[in-house]
Amino acid sequence: QSKTEGVPLKMIKEPMVLQPIGVGMKKDEPVLLAKVNAALMALD
């Protein structure tokens, strides 16, 4: 947007922080966790 509006900006390539994004589930449900992880791996 800045290329056509105002002063042009650039993005610094180095991230400020990393945030892993995952599927949230109730704690102490190892079977469900294993099923979801296997499904995500297969989809990927």
PDB file of all heavy atoms in Angstrom:
ATOM      1  N   GLN A   1       0.833  -1.213   0.000  1.00  0.00           N
ATOM      2  CA  GLN A   1       0.000   0.000   0.000  1.00  0.00           C
ATOM      3  C   GLN A   1       0.862   1.255   0.000  1.00  0.00           C
ATOM      4  O   GLN A   1       0.543   2.248  -0.658  1.00  0.00           O
ATOM      5  CB  GLN A   1      -0.899  -0.011   1.247  1.00  0.00           C
ATOM      6  CG  GLN A   1      -1.798   1.202   1.406  1.00  0.00           C
ATOM      7  CD  GLN A   1      -2.596   1.146   2.699  1.00  0.00           C
ATOM      8  OE1 GLN A   1      -3.017   0.077   3.144  1.00  0.00           O
ATOM      9  NE2 GLN A   1      -2.778   2.293   3.331  1.00  0.00           N
ATOM     10  N   SER A   2       2.000   1.203   0.716  1.00  0.00           N
ATOM     11  CA  SER A   2       2.863   2.384   0.840  1.00  0.00           C
ATOM     12  C   SER A   2       3.515   2.790  -0.478  1.00  0.00           C
ATOM     13  O   SER A   2       3.967   3.919  -0.625  1.00  0.00           O
ATOM     14  CB  SER A   2       3.957   2.122   1.892  1.00  0.00           C
ATOM     15  OG  SER A   2       4.938   1.220   1.399  1.00  0.00           O
ATOM     16  N   LYS A   3       3.546   1.875  -1.435  1.00  0.00           N
ATOM     17  CA  LYS A   3       4.162   2.168  -2.730  1.00  0.00           C
ATOM     18  C   LYS A   3       3.348   3.191  -3.531  1.00  0.00           C
ATOM     19  O   LYS A   3       3.870   3.856  -4.417  1.00  0.00           O
ATOM     20  CB  LYS A   3       4.330   0.878  -3.531  1.00  0.00           C
ATOM     21  CG  LYS A   3       5.340  -0.079  -2.911  1.00  0.00           C
ATOM     22  CD  LYS A   3       5.389  -1.402  -3.649  1.00  0.00           C
ATOM     23  CE  LYS A   3       6.360  -2.366  -2.982  1.00  0.00           C
ATOM     24  NZ  LYS A   3       6.384  -3.698  -3.651  1.00  0.00           N
ATOM     25  N   THR A   4       2.068   3.286  -3.190  1.00  0.00           N
ATOM     26  CA  THR A   4       1.205   4.244  -3.893  1.00  0.00           C
ATOM     27  C   THR A   4       0.612   5.295  -2.958  1.00  0.00           C
ATOM     28  O   THR A   4       0.064   6.285  -3.404  1.00  0.00           O
ATOM     29  CB  THR A   4       0.034   3.508  -4.590  1.00  0.00           C
ATOM     30  OG1 THR A   4      -0.683   2.724  -3.622  1.00  0.00           O
ATOM     31  CG2 THR A   4       0.560   2.585  -5.686  1.00  0.00           C
ATOM     32  N   GLU A   5       0.751   5.062  -1.635  1.00  0.00           N
ATOM     33  CA  GLU A   5       0.191   5.996  -0.654  1.00  0.00           C
ATOM     34  C   GLU A   5       1.248   6.383   0.371  1.00  0.00           C
ATOM     35  O   GLU A   5       1.668   5.563   1.169  1.00  0.00           O
ATOM     36  CB  GLU A   5      -1.011   5.369   0.072  1.00  0.00           C
ATOM     37  CG  GLU A   5      -2.181   5.022  -0.835  1.00  0.00           C
ATOM     38  CD  GLU A   5      -3.307   4.355  -0.073  1.00  0.00           C
ATOM     39  OE1 GLU A   5      -3.389   4.538   1.162  1.00  0.00           O
ATOM     40  OE2 GLU A   5      -4.096   3.637  -0.696  1.00  0.00           O
ATOM     41  N   GLY A   6       1.676   7.630   0.342  1.00  0.00           N
ATOM     42  CA  GLY A   6       2.626   8.106   1.339  1.00  0.00           C
ATOM     43  C   GLY A   6       4.060   7.705   1.060  1.00  0.00           C
ATOM     44  O   GLY A   6       4.462   7.478  -0.082  1.00  0.00           O
ATOM     45  N   VAL A   7       4.832   7.574   2.140  1.00  0.00           N
ATOM     46  CA  VAL A   7       6.252   7.238   2.047  1.00  0.00           C
ATOM     47  C   VAL A   7       6.418   5.724   1.903  1.00  0.00           C
ATOM     48  O   VAL A   7       5.872   4.968   2.709  1.00  0.00           O
ATOM     49  CB  VAL A   7       7.015   7.724   3.302  1.00  0.00           C
ATOM     50  CG1 VAL A   7       8.503   7.388   3.192  1.00  0.00           C
ATOM     51  CG2 VAL A   7       6.808   9.214   3.506  1.00  0.00           C
ATOM     52  N   PRO A   8       7.159   5.257   0.893  1.00  0.00           N
ATOM     53  CA  PRO A   8       7.347   3.812   0.695  1.00  0.00           C
ATOM     54  C   PRO A   8       8.051   3.153   1.889  1.00  0.00           C
ATOM     55  O   PRO A   8       8.980   3.729   2.471  1.00  0.00           O
ATOM     56  CB  PRO A   8       8.221   3.736  -0.560  1.00  0.00           C
ATOM     57  CG  PRO A   8       8.011   5.030  -1.255  1.00  0.00           C
ATOM     58  CD  PRO A   8       7.806   6.046  -0.173  1.00  0.00           C
ATOM     59  N   LEU A   9       7.590   1.952   2.230  1.00  0.00           N
ATOM     60  CA  LEU A   9       8.184   1.177   3.322  1.00  0.00           C
ATOM     61  C   LEU A   9       8.834  -0.084   2.774  1.00  0.00           C
ATOM     62  O   LEU A   9       8.555  -0.508   1.649  1.00  0.00           O
ATOM     63  CB  LEU A   9       7.114   0.793   4.353  1.00  0.00           C
ATOM     64  CG  LEU A   9       6.291   1.900   5.012  1.00  0.00           C
ATOM     65  CD1 LEU A   9       5.325   1.297   6.018  1.00  0.00           C
ATOM     66  CD2 LEU A   9       7.189   2.929   5.682  1.00  0.00           C
ATOM     67  N   LYS A  10       9.675  -0.688   3.592  1.00  0.00           N
ATOM     68  CA  LYS A  10      10.257  -1.987   3.266  1.00  0.00           C
ATOM     69  C   LYS A  10      10.127  -2.886   4.498  1.00  0.00           C
ATOM     70  O   LYS A  10      10.015  -2.395   5.630  1.00  0.00           O
ATOM     71  CB  LYS A  10      11.735  -1.848   2.886  1.00  0.00           C
ATOM     72  CG  LYS A  10      12.638  -1.407   4.033  1.00  0.00           C
ATOM     73  CD  LYS A  10      14.107  -1.332   3.622  1.00  0.00           C
ATOM     74  CE  LYS A  10      14.994  -0.899   4.798  1.00  0.00           C
ATOM     75  NZ  LYS A  10      16.418  -0.799   4.426  1.00  0.00           N
ATOM     76  N   MET A  11      10.098  -4.190   4.267  1.00  0.00           N
ATOM     77  CA  MET A  11       9.991  -5.134   5.365  1.00  0.00           C
ATOM     78  C   MET A  11      11.373  -5.700   5.681  1.00  0.00           C
ATOM     79  O   MET A  11      12.071  -6.178   4.791  1.00  0.00           O
ATOM     80  CB  MET A  11       9.025  -6.270   5.015  1.00  0.00           C
ATOM     81  CG  MET A  11       8.836  -7.284   6.129  1.00  0.00           C
ATOM     82  SD  MET A  11       7.434  -8.419   5.831  1.00  0.00           S
ATOM     83  CE  MET A  11       8.021  -9.318   4.380  1.00  0.00           C
ATOM     84  N   ILE A  12      11.767  -5.632   6.954  1.00  0.00           N
ATOM     85  CA  ILE A  12      13.025  -6.241   7.389  1.00  0.00           C
ATOM     86  C   ILE A  12      12.848  -7.762   7.331  1.00  0.00           C
ATOM     87  O   ILE A  12      11.875  -8.297   7.862  1.00  0.00           O
ATOM     88  CB  ILE A  12      13.382  -5.791   8.824  1.00  0.00           C
ATOM     89  CG1 ILE A  12      13.525  -4.264   8.898  1.00  0.00           C
ATOM     90  CG2 ILE A  12      14.655  -6.487   9.294  1.00  0.00           C
ATOM     91  CD1 ILE A  12      14.625  -3.687   8.035  1.00  0.00           C
ATOM     92  N   LYS A  13      13.750  -8.455   6.668  1.00  0.00           N
ATOM     93  CA  LYS A  13      13.585  -9.897   6.429  1.00  0.00           C
ATOM     94  C   LYS A  13      13.622 -10.739   7.706  1.00  0.00           C
ATOM     95  O   LYS A  13      12.980 -11.783   7.786  1.00  0.00           O
ATOM     96  CB  LYS A  13      14.660 -10.379   5.460  1.00  0.00           C
ATOM     97  CG  LYS A  13      14.490  -9.847   4.040  1.00  0.00           C
ATOM     98  CD  LYS A  13      15.544 -10.419   3.113  1.00  0.00           C
ATOM     99  CE  LYS A  13      15.339  -9.903   1.684  1.00  0.00           C
ATOM    100  NZ  LYS A  13      16.361 -10.454   0.757  1.00  0.00           N
ATOM    101  N   GLU A  14      14.386 -10.269   8.688  1.00  0.00           N
ATOM    102  CA  GLU A  14      14.507 -11.028   9.948  1.00  0.00           C
ATOM    103  C   GLU A  14      13.256 -10.844  10.804  1.00  0.00           C
ATOM    104  O   GLU A  14      12.892  -9.721  11.142  1.00  0.00           O
ATOM    105  CB  GLU A  14      15.733 -10.538  10.720  1.00  0.00           C
ATOM    106  CG  GLU A  14      15.981 -11.269  12.016  1.00  0.00           C
ATOM    107  CD  GLU A  14      17.112 -10.652  12.823  1.00  0.00           C
ATOM    108  OE1 GLU A  14      17.565  -9.538  12.464  1.00  0.00           O
ATOM    109  OE2 GLU A  14      17.526 -11.265  13.814  1.00  0.00           O
ATOM    110  N   PRO A  15      12.559 -11.932  11.168  1.00  0.00           N
ATOM    111  CA  PRO A  15      11.359 -11.806  12.008  1.00  0.00           C
ATOM    112  C   PRO A  15      11.683 -11.267  13.395  1.00  0.00           C
ATOM    113  O   PRO A  15      12.766 -11.540  13.932  1.00  0.00           O
ATOM    114  CB  PRO A  15      10.834 -13.237  12.101  1.00  0.00           C
ATOM    115  CG  PRO A  15      11.484 -13.976  10.978  1.00  0.00           C
ATOM    116  CD  PRO A  15      12.813 -13.327  10.790  1.00  0.00           C
ATOM    117  N   MET A  16      10.760 -10.521  13.961  1.00  0.00           N
ATOM    118  CA  MET A  16      10.918 -10.060  15.344  1.00  0.00           C
ATOM    119  C   MET A  16      10.763 -11.243  16.301  1.00  0.00           C
ATOM    120  O   MET A  16      11.546 -11.417  17.223  1.00  0.00           O
ATOM    121  CB  MET A  16       9.882  -8.979  15.656  1.00  0.00           C
ATOM    122  CG  MET A  16      10.040  -7.701  14.850  1.00  0.00           C
ATOM    123  SD  MET A  16      11.474  -6.734  15.347  1.00  0.00           S
ATOM    124  CE  MET A  16      10.821  -5.872  16.790  1.00  0.00           C
ATOM    125  N   VAL A  17       9.722 -12.050  16.073  1.00  0.00           N
ATOM    126  CA  VAL A  17       9.518 -13.293  16.828  1.00  0.00           C
ATOM    127  C   VAL A  17       8.823 -14.309  15.929  1.00  0.00           C
ATOM    128  O   VAL A  17       8.187 -13.941  14.933  1.00  0.00           O
ATOM    129  CB  VAL A  17       8.662 -13.096  18.115  1.00  0.00           C
ATOM    130  CG1 VAL A  17       9.368 -12.247  19.143  1.00  0.00           C
ATOM    131  CG2 VAL A  17       7.294 -12.524  17.778  1.00  0.00           C
ATOM    132  N   LEU A  18       8.940 -15.596  16.308  1.00  0.00           N
ATOM    133  CA  LEU A  18       8.247 -16.669  15.608  1.00  0.00           C
ATOM    134  C   LEU A  18       7.113 -17.183  16.489  1.00  0.00           C
ATOM    135  O   LEU A  18       7.260 -17.270  17.711  1.00  0.00           O
ATOM    136  CB  LEU A  18       9.208 -17.824  15.305  1.00  0.00           C
ATOM    137  CG  LEU A  18      10.428 -17.499  14.441  1.00  0.00           C
ATOM    138  CD1 LEU A  18      11.309 -18.739  14.310  1.00  0.00           C
ATOM    139  CD2 LEU A  18      10.000 -17.007  13.073  1.00  0.00           C
ATOM    140  N   GLN A  19       5.995 -17.523  15.863  1.00  0.00           N
ATOM    141  CA  GLN A  19       4.844 -18.046  16.608  1.00  0.00           C
ATOM    142  C   GLN A  19       4.311 -19.303  15.924  1.00  0.00           C
ATOM    143  O   GLN A  19       3.637 -19.206  14.900  1.00  0.00           O
ATOM    144  CB  GLN A  19       3.725 -17.010  16.660  1.00  0.00           C
ATOM    145  CG  GLN A  19       4.110 -15.706  17.320  1.00  0.00           C
ATOM    146  CD  GLN A  19       2.955 -14.725  17.301  1.00  0.00           C
ATOM    147  OE1 GLN A  19       2.081 -14.759  18.152  1.00  0.00           O
ATOM    148  NE2 GLN A  19       2.943 -13.859  16.316  1.00  0.00           N
ATOM    149  N   PRO A  20       4.611 -20.488  16.463  1.00  0.00           N
ATOM    150  CA  PRO A  20       4.073 -21.719  15.872  1.00  0.00           C
ATOM    151  C   PRO A  20       2.546 -21.739  15.978  1.00  0.00           C
ATOM    152  O   PRO A  20       1.993 -21.513  17.055  1.00  0.00           O
ATOM    153  CB  PRO A  20       4.691 -22.830  16.735  1.00  0.00           C
ATOM    154  CG  PRO A  20       5.823 -22.183  17.459  1.00  0.00           C
ATOM    155  CD  PRO A  20       5.444 -20.751  17.640  1.00  0.00           C
ATOM    156  N   ILE A  21       1.881 -21.991  14.864  1.00  0.00           N
ATOM    157  CA  ILE A  21       0.413 -22.041  14.837  1.00  0.00           C
ATOM    158  C   ILE A  21      -0.032 -23.492  14.750  1.00  0.00           C
ATOM    159  O   ILE A  21       0.375 -24.227  13.834  1.00  0.00           O
ATOM    160  CB  ILE A  21      -0.139 -21.259  13.627  1.00  0.00           C
ATOM    161  CG1 ILE A  21       0.377 -19.824  13.630  1.00  0.00           C
ATOM    162  CG2 ILE A  21      -1.667 -21.297  13.624  1.00  0.00           C
ATOM    163  CD1 ILE A  21      -0.042 -18.988  14.808  1.00  0.00           C
ATOM    164  N   GLY A  22      -0.845 -23.926  15.705  1.00  0.00           N
ATOM    165  CA  GLY A  22      -1.297 -25.315  15.725  1.00  0.00           C
ATOM    166  C   GLY A  22      -2.763 -25.438  16.076  1.00  0.00           C
ATOM    167  O   GLY A  22      -3.469 -24.445  16.275  1.00  0.00           O
ATOM    168  N   VAL A  23      -3.213 -26.681  16.147  1.00  0.00           N
ATOM    169  CA  VAL A  23      -4.593 -26.986  16.530  1.00  0.00           C
ATOM    170  C   VAL A  23      -4.629 -27.148  18.047  1.00  0.00           C
ATOM    171  O   VAL A  23      -3.825 -27.888  18.624  1.00  0.00           O
ATOM    172  CB  VAL A  23      -5.068 -28.294  15.862  1.00  0.00           C
ATOM    173  CG1 VAL A  23      -6.479 -28.658  16.323  1.00  0.00           C
ATOM    174  CG2 VAL A  23      -5.017 -28.149  14.341  1.00  0.00           C
ATOM    175  N   GLY A  24      -5.552 -26.445  18.693  1.00  0.00           N
ATOM    176  CA  GLY A  24      -5.677 -26.530  20.146  1.00  0.00           C
ATOM    177  C   GLY A  24      -6.640 -27.625  20.558  1.00  0.00           C
ATOM    178  O   GLY A  24      -7.683 -27.815  19.942  1.00  0.00           O
ATOM    179  N   MET A  25      -6.281 -28.359  21.619  1.00  0.00           N
ATOM    180  CA  MET A  25      -7.114 -29.452  22.143  1.00  0.00           C
ATOM    181  C   MET A  25      -7.063 -29.467  23.663  1.00  0.00           C
ATOM    182  O   MET A  25      -6.157 -28.876  24.258  1.00  0.00           O
ATOM    183  CB  MET A  25      -6.602 -30.804  21.631  1.00  0.00           C
ATOM    184  CG  MET A  25      -6.805 -31.055  20.161  1.00  0.00           C
ATOM    185  SD  MET A  25      -5.692 -32.368  19.553  1.00  0.00           S
ATOM    186  CE  MET A  25      -4.185 -31.421  19.276  1.00  0.00           C
ATOM    187  N   LYS A  26      -8.002 -30.161  24.273  1.00  0.00           N
ATOM    188  CA  LYS A  26      -8.009 -30.292  25.723  1.00  0.00           C
ATOM    189  C   LYS A  26      -6.769 -31.067  26.172  1.00  0.00           C
ATOM    190  O   LYS A  26      -6.318 -31.978  25.493  1.00  0.00           O
ATOM    191  CB  LYS A  26      -9.282 -31.019  26.172  1.00  0.00           C
ATOM    192  CG  LYS A  26      -9.494 -31.028  27.690  1.00  0.00           C
ATOM    193  CD  LYS A  26     -10.678 -31.883  28.083  1.00  0.00           C
ATOM    194  CE  LYS A  26     -11.981 -31.286  27.653  1.00  0.00           C
ATOM    195  NZ  LYS A  26     -13.142 -32.059  28.191  1.00  0.00           N
ATOM    196  N   LYS A  27      -6.240 -30.699  27.314  1.00  0.00           N
ATOM    197  CA  LYS A  27      -5.062 -31.375  27.845  1.00  0.00           C
ATOM    198  C   LYS A  27      -5.357 -32.837  28.195  1.00  0.00           C
ATOM    199  O   LYS A  27      -6.501 -33.214  28.413  1.00  0.00           O
ATOM    200  CB  LYS A  27      -4.578 -30.656  29.111  1.00  0.00           C
ATOM    201  CG  LYS A  27      -3.482 -29.636  28.867  1.00  0.00           C
ATOM    202  CD  LYS A  27      -2.942 -29.122  30.177  1.00  0.00           C
ATOM    203  CE  LYS A  27      -1.734 -28.227  29.978  1.00  0.00           C
ATOM    204  NZ  LYS A  27      -0.571 -28.916  29.437  1.00  0.00           N
ATOM    205  N   ASP A  28      -4.294 -33.640  28.263  1.00  0.00           N
ATOM    206  CA  ASP A  28      -4.364 -35.043  28.680  1.00  0.00           C
ATOM    207  C   ASP A  28      -5.282 -35.878  27.801  1.00  0.00           C
ATOM    208  O   ASP A  28      -6.052 -36.717  28.292  1.00  0.00           O
ATOM    209  CB  ASP A  28      -4.816 -35.139  30.151  1.00  0.00           C
ATOM    210  CG  ASP A  28      -3.865 -34.411  31.089  1.00  0.00           C
ATOM    211  OD1 ASP A  28      -2.647 -34.518  30.877  1.00  0.00           O
ATOM    212  OD2 ASP A  28      -4.348 -33.736  32.016  1.00  0.00           O
ATOM    213  N   GLU A  29      -5.228 -35.629  26.513  1.00  0.00           N
ATOM    214  CA  GLU A  29      -5.950 -36.442  25.532  1.00  0.00           C
ATOM    215  C   GLU A  29      -4.937 -36.918  24.484  1.00  0.00           C
ATOM    216  O   GLU A  29      -4.917 -36.451  23.345  1.00  0.00           O
ATOM    217  CB  GLU A  29      -7.064 -35.625  24.863  1.00  0.00           C
ATOM    218  CG  GLU A  29      -8.194 -35.207  25.789  1.00  0.00           C
ATOM    219  CD  GLU A  29      -9.047 -36.389  26.241  1.00  0.00           C
ATOM    220  OE1 GLU A  29      -8.926 -37.482  25.645  1.00  0.00           O
ATOM    221  OE2 GLU A  29      -9.828 -36.224  27.198  1.00  0.00           O
ATOM    222  N   PRO A  30      -4.068 -37.875  24.870  1.00  0.00           N
ATOM    223  CA  PRO A  30      -2.988 -38.310  23.970  1.00  0.00           C
ATOM    224  C   PRO A  30      -3.472 -38.986  22.695  1.00  0.00           C
ATOM    225  O   PRO A  30      -2.822 -38.875  21.655  1.00  0.00           O
ATOM    226  CB  PRO A  30      -2.173 -39.277  24.839  1.00  0.00           C
ATOM    227  CG  PRO A  30      -3.123 -39.748  25.888  1.00  0.00           C
ATOM    228  CD  PRO A  30      -4.011 -38.587  26.168  1.00  0.00           C
ATOM    229  N   VAL A  31      -4.595 -39.681  22.751  1.00  0.00           N
ATOM    230  CA  VAL A  31      -5.105 -40.363  21.557  1.00  0.00           C
ATOM    231  C   VAL A  31      -5.542 -39.336  20.517  1.00  0.00           C
ATOM    232  O   VAL A  31      -5.193 -39.423  19.338  1.00  0.00           O
ATOM    233  CB  VAL A  31      -6.266 -41.316  21.906  1.00  0.00           C
ATOM    234  CG1 VAL A  31      -6.817 -41.972  20.636  1.00  0.00           C
ATOM    235  CG2 VAL A  31      -5.801 -42.385  22.877  1.00  0.00           C
ATOM    236  N   LEU A  32      -6.316 -38.346  20.966  1.00  0.00           N
ATOM    237  CA  LEU A  32      -6.773 -37.292  20.056  1.00  0.00           C
ATOM    238  C   LEU A  32      -5.580 -36.531  19.482  1.00  0.00           C
ATOM    239  O   LEU A  32      -5.534 -36.243  18.282  1.00  0.00           O
ATOM    240  CB  LEU A  32      -7.710 -36.331  20.792  1.00  0.00           C
ATOM    241  CG  LEU A  32      -8.235 -35.142  19.977  1.00  0.00           C
ATOM    242  CD1 LEU A  32      -9.005 -35.615  18.747  1.00  0.00           C
ATOM    243  CD2 LEU A  32      -9.116 -34.239  20.844  1.00  0.00           C
ATOM    244  N   LEU A  33      -4.601 -36.215  20.330  1.00  0.00           N
ATOM    245  CA  LEU A  33      -3.412 -35.499  19.878  1.00  0.00           C
ATOM    246  C   LEU A  33      -2.684 -36.287  18.783  1.00  0.00           C
ATOM    247  O   LEU A  33      -2.305 -35.729  17.743  1.00  0.00           O
ATOM    248  CB  LEU A  33      -2.464 -35.248  21.051  1.00  0.00           C
ATOM    249  CG  LEU A  33      -1.131 -34.569  20.721  1.00  0.00           C
ATOM    250  CD1 LEU A  33      -1.344 -33.183  20.133  1.00  0.00           C
ATOM    251  CD2 LEU A  33      -0.252 -34.487  21.971  1.00  0.00           C
ATOM    252  N   ALA A  34      -2.507 -37.572  19.003  1.00  0.00           N
ATOM    253  CA  ALA A  34      -1.816 -38.418  18.026  1.00  0.00           C
ATOM    254  C   ALA A  34      -2.586 -38.488  16.711  1.00  0.00           C
ATOM    255  O   ALA A  34      -1.994 -38.443  15.626  1.00  0.00           O
ATOM    256  CB  ALA A  34      -1.611 -39.819  18.604  1.00  0.00           C
ATOM    257  N   LYS A  35      -3.914 -38.586  16.810  1.00  0.00           N
ATOM    258  CA  LYS A  35      -4.756 -38.654  15.608  1.00  0.00           C
ATOM    259  C   LYS A  35      -4.653 -37.353  14.797  1.00  0.00           C
ATOM    260  O   LYS A  35      -4.528 -37.382  13.569  1.00  0.00           O
ATOM    261  CB  LYS A  35      -6.215 -38.896  16.003  1.00  0.00           C
ATOM    262  CG  LYS A  35      -6.500 -40.251  16.621  1.00  0.00           C
ATOM    263  CD  LYS A  35      -6.586 -41.328  15.568  1.00  0.00           C
ATOM    264  CE  LYS A  35      -7.012 -42.659  16.172  1.00  0.00           C
ATOM    265  NZ  LYS A  35      -7.061 -43.732  15.150  1.00  0.00           N
ATOM    266  N   VAL A  36      -4.726 -36.213  15.494  1.00  0.00           N
ATOM    267  CA  VAL A  36      -4.670 -34.910  14.815  1.00  0.00           C
ATOM    268  C   VAL A  36      -3.299 -34.703  14.180  1.00  0.00           C
ATOM    269  O   VAL A  36      -3.194 -34.252  13.032  1.00  0.00           O
ATOM    270  CB  VAL A  36      -5.006 -33.765  15.795  1.00  0.00           C
ATOM    271  CG1 VAL A  36      -4.692 -32.404  15.174  1.00  0.00           C
ATOM    272  CG2 VAL A  36      -6.477 -33.829  16.204  1.00  0.00           C
ATOM    273  N   ASN A  37      -2.234 -35.031  14.911  1.00  0.00           N
ATOM    274  CA  ASN A  37      -0.885 -34.874  14.354  1.00  0.00           C
ATOM    275  C   ASN A  37      -0.681 -35.731  13.109  1.00  0.00           C
ATOM    276  O   ASN A  37      -0.103 -35.275  12.115  1.00  0.00           O
ATOM    277  CB  ASN A  37       0.171 -35.223  15.405  1.00  0.00           C
ATOM    278  CG  ASN A  37       0.432 -34.087  16.386  1.00  0.00           C
ATOM    279  OD1 ASN A  37       0.141 -32.940  16.091  1.00  0.00           O
ATOM    280  ND2 ASN A  37       0.973 -34.422  17.540  1.00  0.00           N
ATOM    281  N   ALA A  38      -1.162 -36.973  13.161  1.00  0.00           N
ATOM    282  CA  ALA A  38      -1.027 -37.869  12.007  1.00  0.00           C
ATOM    283  C   ALA A  38      -1.827 -37.347  10.817  1.00  0.00           C
ATOM    284  O   ALA A  38      -1.377 -37.412   9.664  1.00  0.00           O
ATOM    285  CB  ALA A  38      -1.493 -39.275  12.388  1.00  0.00           C
ATOM    286  N   ALA A  39      -3.020 -36.805  11.092  1.00  0.00           N
ATOM    287  CA  ALA A  39      -3.871 -36.274  10.025  1.00  0.00           C
ATOM    288  C   ALA A  39      -3.227 -35.040   9.383  1.00  0.00           C
ATOM    289  O   ALA A  39      -3.230 -34.898   8.158  1.00  0.00           O
ATOM    290  CB  ALA A  39      -5.248 -35.923  10.582  1.00  0.00           C
ATOM    291  N   LEU A  40      -2.669 -34.156  10.187  1.00  0.00           N
ATOM    292  CA  LEU A  40      -2.003 -32.962   9.660  1.00  0.00           C
ATOM    293  C   LEU A  40      -0.804 -33.340   8.794  1.00  0.00           C
ATOM    294  O   LEU A  40      -0.588 -32.770   7.723  1.00  0.00           O
ATOM    295  CB  LEU A  40      -1.547 -32.049  10.802  1.00  0.00           C
ATOM    296  CG  LEU A  40      -2.628 -31.261  11.538  1.00  0.00           C
ATOM    297  CD1 LEU A  40      -2.032 -30.546  12.751  1.00  0.00           C
ATOM    298  CD2 LEU A  40      -3.305 -30.246  10.617  1.00  0.00           C
ATOM    299  N   MET A  41      -0.036 -34.329   9.257  1.00  0.00           N
ATOM    300  CA  MET A  41       1.120 -34.779   8.487  1.00  0.00           C
ATOM    301  C   MET A  41       0.690 -35.350   7.142  1.00  0.00           C
ATOM    302  O   MET A  41       1.304 -35.071   6.102  1.00  0.00           O
ATOM    303  CB  MET A  41       1.883 -35.837   9.295  1.00  0.00           C
ATOM    304  CG  MET A  41       3.205 -36.268   8.670  1.00  0.00           C
ATOM    305  SD  MET A  41       4.440 -34.943   8.636  1.00  0.00           S
ATOM    306  CE  MET A  41       4.903 -34.876  10.376  1.00  0.00           C
ATOM    307  N   ALA A  42      -0.387 -36.129   7.149  1.00  0.00           N
ATOM    308  CA  ALA A  42      -0.896 -36.736   5.909  1.00  0.00           C
ATOM    309  C   ALA A  42      -1.405 -35.662   4.948  1.00  0.00           C
ATOM    310  O   ALA A  42      -1.152 -35.720   3.744  1.00  0.00           O
ATOM    311  CB  ALA A  42      -2.009 -37.734   6.240  1.00  0.00           C
ATOM    312  N   LEU A  43      -2.118 -34.671   5.470  1.00  0.00           N
ATOM    313  CA  LEU A  43      -2.629 -33.571   4.645  1.00  0.00           C
ATOM    314  C   LEU A  43      -1.482 -32.768   4.040  1.00  0.00           C
ATOM    315  O   LEU A  43      -1.545 -32.343   2.886  1.00  0.00           O
ATOM    316  CB  LEU A  43      -3.518 -32.645   5.484  1.00  0.00           C
ATOM    317  CG  LEU A  43      -4.879 -33.191   5.909  1.00  0.00           C
ATOM    318  CD1 LEU A  43      -5.533 -32.248   6.932  1.00  0.00           C
ATOM    319  CD2 LEU A  43      -5.800 -33.371   4.709  1.00  0.00           C
ATOM    320  N   ASP A  44      -0.430 -32.577   4.817  1.00  0.00           N
ATOM    321  CA  ASP A  44       0.720 -31.819   4.337  1.00  0.00           C
ATOM    322  C   ASP A  44       1.440 -32.568   3.215  1.00  0.00           C
ATOM    323  O   ASP A  44       1.776 -31.992   2.182  1.00  0.00           O
ATOM    324  CB  ASP A  44       1.675 -31.553   5.501  1.00  0.00           C
ATOM    325  CG  ASP A  44       2.598 -30.374   5.250  1.00  0.00           C
ATOM    326  OD1 ASP A  44       2.254 -29.522   4.401  1.00  0.00           O
ATOM    327  OD2 ASP A  44       3.650 -30.285   5.892  1.00  0.00           O
TER     328      ASP A  44
END
